[in-house]
Amino acid sequence: MSFRKAYRRYRTLWVSLIACGAFLALAVWGWGVEPGELAGFLGAAAVLLLGLILLAALVGYVLFKLRRWREK
């Protein structure tokens, strides 16, 4: 795959990541948010996202077990 095709394929992802980084930099330098406070918010968001993923996995496992139980 050429560089051009790979670039087009992930262009939206990279633009989104750059925009997110610019927004976080603006929060630190423009609005005076402390980097430690920002890290705390990012950590809390990561923990909540991980909890949501684990909850979805648990629900999927329970549904899988219910289907197998009904088939017996």
Protein backbone atom coordinates (compact mmCIF):
# COMPACT_ATOMS: atom_id res chain seq x y z
CA MET A 1 0.00 0.00 0.00
CA SER A 2 1.37 3.37 -0.93
CA PHE A 3 1.80 6.22 1.52
CA ARG A 4 -0.97 8.18 -0.16
CA LYS A 5 -3.56 5.42 0.34
CA ALA A 6 -2.48 4.88 3.94
CA TYR A 7 -2.70 8.61 4.59
CA ARG A 8 -6.19 8.85 3.13
CA ARG A 9 -7.33 5.84 5.11
CA TYR A 10 -6.38 7.30 8.50
CA ARG A 11 -6.69 11.01 7.72
CA THR A 12 -9.78 11.54 9.87
CA LEU A 13 -8.16 9.82 12.83
CA TRP A 14 -5.03 11.99 12.63
CA VAL A 15 -7.00 15.21 12.18
CA SER A 16 -9.13 14.32 15.20
CA LEU A 17 -6.07 13.55 17.33
CA ILE A 18 -4.37 16.81 16.35
CA ALA A 19 -7.55 18.79 17.06
CA CYS A 20 -7.89 17.12 20.46
CA GLY A 21 -4.26 17.88 21.30
CA ALA A 22 -4.72 21.51 20.24
CA PHE A 23 -7.82 21.83 22.42
CA LEU A 24 -5.97 20.38 25.42
CA ALA A 25 -3.04 22.74 24.79
CA LEU A 26 -5.47 25.65 24.62
CA ALA A 27 -6.94 24.59 27.96
CA VAL A 28 -3.49 24.61 29.57
CA TRP A 29 -2.00 27.73 28.01
CA GLY A 30 -5.06 29.78 27.14
CA TRP A 31 -7.46 29.15 30.00
CA GLY A 32 -4.98 28.46 32.78
CA VAL A 33 -5.96 24.87 33.57
CA GLU A 34 -3.18 23.19 35.55
CA PRO A 35 -1.55 20.21 33.78
CA GLY A 36 -2.08 18.09 36.90
CA GLU A 37 -5.79 18.89 36.89
CA LEU A 38 -5.97 18.07 33.20
CA ALA A 39 -4.19 14.76 33.82
CA GLY A 40 -6.72 13.99 36.56
CA PHE A 41 -9.61 14.62 34.18
CA LEU A 42 -8.00 12.44 31.51
CA GLY A 43 -7.40 9.70 34.09
CA ALA A 44 -11.01 9.85 35.25
CA ALA A 45 -12.22 9.68 31.63
CA ALA A 46 -9.98 6.65 31.00
CA VAL A 47 -11.30 4.88 34.11
CA LEU A 48 -14.91 5.59 33.11
CA LEU A 49 -14.27 4.36 29.57
CA LEU A 50 -12.65 1.19 30.89
CA GLY A 51 -15.63 0.64 33.20
CA LEU A 52 -18.03 1.05 30.29
CA ILE A 53 -16.08 -1.46 28.20
CA LEU A 54 -16.01 -3.97 31.06
CA LEU A 55 -19.75 -3.52 31.64
CA ALA A 56 -20.45 -4.14 27.94
CA ALA A 57 -18.26 -7.26 28.03
CA LEU A 58 -20.13 -8.51 31.10
CA VAL A 59 -23.51 -7.95 29.45
CA GLY A 60 -22.30 -9.75 26.32
CA TYR A 61 -21.07 -12.69 28.41
CA VAL A 62 -24.39 -12.92 30.28
CA LEU A 63 -26.34 -12.85 27.00
CA PHE A 64 -24.05 -15.54 25.58
CA LYS A 65 -24.65 -17.75 28.63
CA LEU A 66 -28.42 -17.17 28.47
CA ARG A 67 -28.52 -18.26 24.84
CA ARG A 68 -26.52 -21.41 25.59
CA TRP A 69 -28.76 -22.14 28.60
CA ARG A 70 -31.92 -21.80 26.48
CA GLU A 71 -30.57 -24.15 23.81
CA LYS A 72 -30.12 -26.99 26.32
